[in-house]
Amino acid sequence: MSAPEEQQDNRLKQAEKITSHPENYKVCEGCGSIVVLRAVTCPSCHAYRFDKTATRVVAQARDLAMRAANSVLASDMT
């Protein structure tokens, strides 16, 4: 499996995990990242406003699973 295919597969698995238990997650209103419910601020953009409705979490997980990753991670900076 090539790197892009592996990334897509990982994104699909993560989306499946999130959509099966949306009550454990929330969507950052600043950047659209999905974070665990206990997060106080978004680790990506440091925003503090979230939408924790199951409908929004599921819709965002599906949307993120179907598109390529475009976030800059700490590991990208090394």
C-alpha atoms as a PDB file:
ATOM      1  CA  MET A   1       0.000   0.000   0.000  1.00  0.00           C
ATOM      2  CA  SER A   2       1.427   3.408  -0.933  1.00  0.00           C
ATOM      3  CA  ALA A   3       1.728   6.274   1.552  1.00  0.00           C
ATOM      4  CA  PRO A   4      -1.303   8.235   0.212  1.00  0.00           C
ATOM      5  CA  GLU A   5      -3.439   5.067   0.208  1.00  0.00           C
ATOM      6  CA  GLU A   6      -2.309   4.287   3.741  1.00  0.00           C
ATOM      7  CA  GLN A   7      -3.168   7.826   4.894  1.00  0.00           C
ATOM      8  CA  GLN A   8      -6.628   7.559   3.301  1.00  0.00           C
ATOM      9  CA  ASP A   9      -7.184   4.186   4.957  1.00  0.00           C
ATOM     10  CA  ASN A  10      -6.177   5.654   8.343  1.00  0.00           C
ATOM     11  CA  ARG A  11      -8.539   8.601   7.832  1.00  0.00           C
ATOM     12  CA  LEU A  12     -11.400   6.248   6.996  1.00  0.00           C
ATOM     13  CA  LYS A  13     -10.714   4.113  10.087  1.00  0.00           C
ATOM     14  CA  GLN A  14     -10.584   7.206  12.292  1.00  0.00           C
ATOM     15  CA  ALA A  15     -13.866   8.484  10.805  1.00  0.00           C
ATOM     16  CA  GLU A  16     -15.477   5.114  11.459  1.00  0.00           C
ATOM     17  CA  LYS A  17     -14.352   5.264  15.093  1.00  0.00           C
ATOM     18  CA  ILE A  18     -15.724   8.807  15.484  1.00  0.00           C
ATOM     19  CA  THR A  19     -19.057   8.137  13.757  1.00  0.00           C
ATOM     20  CA  SER A  20     -19.665   5.065  15.894  1.00  0.00           C
ATOM     21  CA  HIS A  21     -19.319   7.160  19.096  1.00  0.00           C
ATOM     22  CA  PRO A  22     -19.952  10.834  18.208  1.00  0.00           C
ATOM     23  CA  GLU A  23     -20.847  11.614  21.818  1.00  0.00           C
ATOM     24  CA  ASN A  24     -17.117  11.381  22.669  1.00  0.00           C
ATOM     25  CA  TYR A  25     -16.084  14.137  20.238  1.00  0.00           C
ATOM     26  CA  LYS A  26     -16.740  17.735  19.221  1.00  0.00           C
ATOM     27  CA  VAL A  27     -15.920  19.902  16.203  1.00  0.00           C
ATOM     28  CA  CYS A  28     -13.731  22.988  16.529  1.00  0.00           C
ATOM     29  CA  GLU A  29     -15.567  26.043  15.239  1.00  0.00           C
ATOM     30  CA  GLY A  30     -12.229  27.687  14.431  1.00  0.00           C
ATOM     31  CA  CYS A  31     -10.662  25.155  12.079  1.00  0.00           C
ATOM     32  CA  GLY A  32     -13.068  22.225  11.758  1.00  0.00           C
ATOM     33  CA  SER A  33     -10.857  19.698  13.533  1.00  0.00           C
ATOM     34  CA  ILE A  34     -12.510  16.942  15.502  1.00  0.00           C
ATOM     35  CA  VAL A  35     -11.254  16.728  19.080  1.00  0.00           C
ATOM     36  CA  VAL A  36     -12.093  14.602  22.102  1.00  0.00           C
ATOM     37  CA  LEU A  37     -14.883  15.899  24.296  1.00  0.00           C
ATOM     38  CA  ARG A  38     -12.586  16.658  27.243  1.00  0.00           C
ATOM     39  CA  ALA A  39     -10.410  19.092  25.219  1.00  0.00           C
ATOM     40  CA  VAL A  40     -10.659  22.664  26.480  1.00  0.00           C
ATOM     41  CA  THR A  41      -8.934  24.241  23.488  1.00  0.00           C
ATOM     42  CA  CYS A  42      -8.255  22.959  19.992  1.00  0.00           C
ATOM     43  CA  PRO A  43      -4.735  21.547  19.699  1.00  0.00           C
ATOM     44  CA  SER A  44      -4.589  22.712  16.067  1.00  0.00           C
ATOM     45  CA  CYS A  45      -5.727  26.344  16.249  1.00  0.00           C
ATOM     46  CA  HIS A  46      -6.197  26.973  20.013  1.00  0.00           C
ATOM     47  CA  ALA A  47      -9.829  28.014  19.557  1.00  0.00           C
ATOM     48  CA  TYR A  48     -12.220  27.326  22.411  1.00  0.00           C
ATOM     49  CA  ARG A  49     -15.609  27.194  20.686  1.00  0.00           C
ATOM     50  CA  PHE A  50     -16.945  23.796  19.723  1.00  0.00           C
ATOM     51  CA  ASP A  51     -20.060  22.133  18.324  1.00  0.00           C
ATOM     52  CA  LYS A  52     -20.673  18.836  20.091  1.00  0.00           C
ATOM     53  CA  THR A  53     -23.938  17.833  18.427  1.00  0.00           C
ATOM     54  CA  ALA A  54     -23.775  14.286  17.090  1.00  0.00           C
ATOM     55  CA  THR A  55     -25.076  15.407  13.701  1.00  0.00           C
ATOM     56  CA  ARG A  56     -22.238  17.896  13.243  1.00  0.00           C
ATOM     57  CA  VAL A  57     -19.565  15.494  14.487  1.00  0.00           C
ATOM     58  CA  VAL A  58     -20.690  12.725  12.127  1.00  0.00           C
ATOM     59  CA  ALA A  59     -20.974  15.074   9.144  1.00  0.00           C
ATOM     60  CA  GLN A  60     -17.512  16.539   9.785  1.00  0.00           C
ATOM     61  CA  ALA A  61     -15.934  13.086  10.243  1.00  0.00           C
ATOM     62  CA  ARG A  62     -17.353  11.952   6.911  1.00  0.00           C
ATOM     63  CA  ASP A  63     -16.221  15.136   5.203  1.00  0.00           C
ATOM     64  CA  LEU A  64     -12.681  14.911   6.589  1.00  0.00           C
ATOM     65  CA  ALA A  65     -12.427  11.202   5.700  1.00  0.00           C
ATOM     66  CA  MET A  66     -13.168  11.885   2.048  1.00  0.00           C
ATOM     67  CA  ARG A  67     -10.612  14.624   1.472  1.00  0.00           C
ATOM     68  CA  ALA A  68      -6.845  14.731   1.665  1.00  0.00           C
ATOM     69  CA  ALA A  69      -5.197  15.822   4.903  1.00  0.00           C
ATOM     70  CA  ASN A  70      -4.057  19.434   4.785  1.00  0.00           C
ATOM     71  CA  SER A  71      -3.083  20.176   8.387  1.00  0.00           C
ATOM     72  CA  VAL A  72       0.476  20.995   9.336  1.00  0.00           C
ATOM     73  CA  LEU A  73       1.511  18.758  12.188  1.00  0.00           C
ATOM     74  CA  ALA A  74       4.412  19.118  14.603  1.00  0.00           C
ATOM     75  CA  SER A  75       6.027  16.109  12.904  1.00  0.00           C
ATOM     76  CA  ASP A  76       6.001  18.029   9.602  1.00  0.00           C
ATOM     77  CA  MET A  77       8.252  20.674  11.124  1.00  0.00           C
ATOM     78  CA  THR A  78      11.158  18.355  11.946  1.00  0.00           C
END
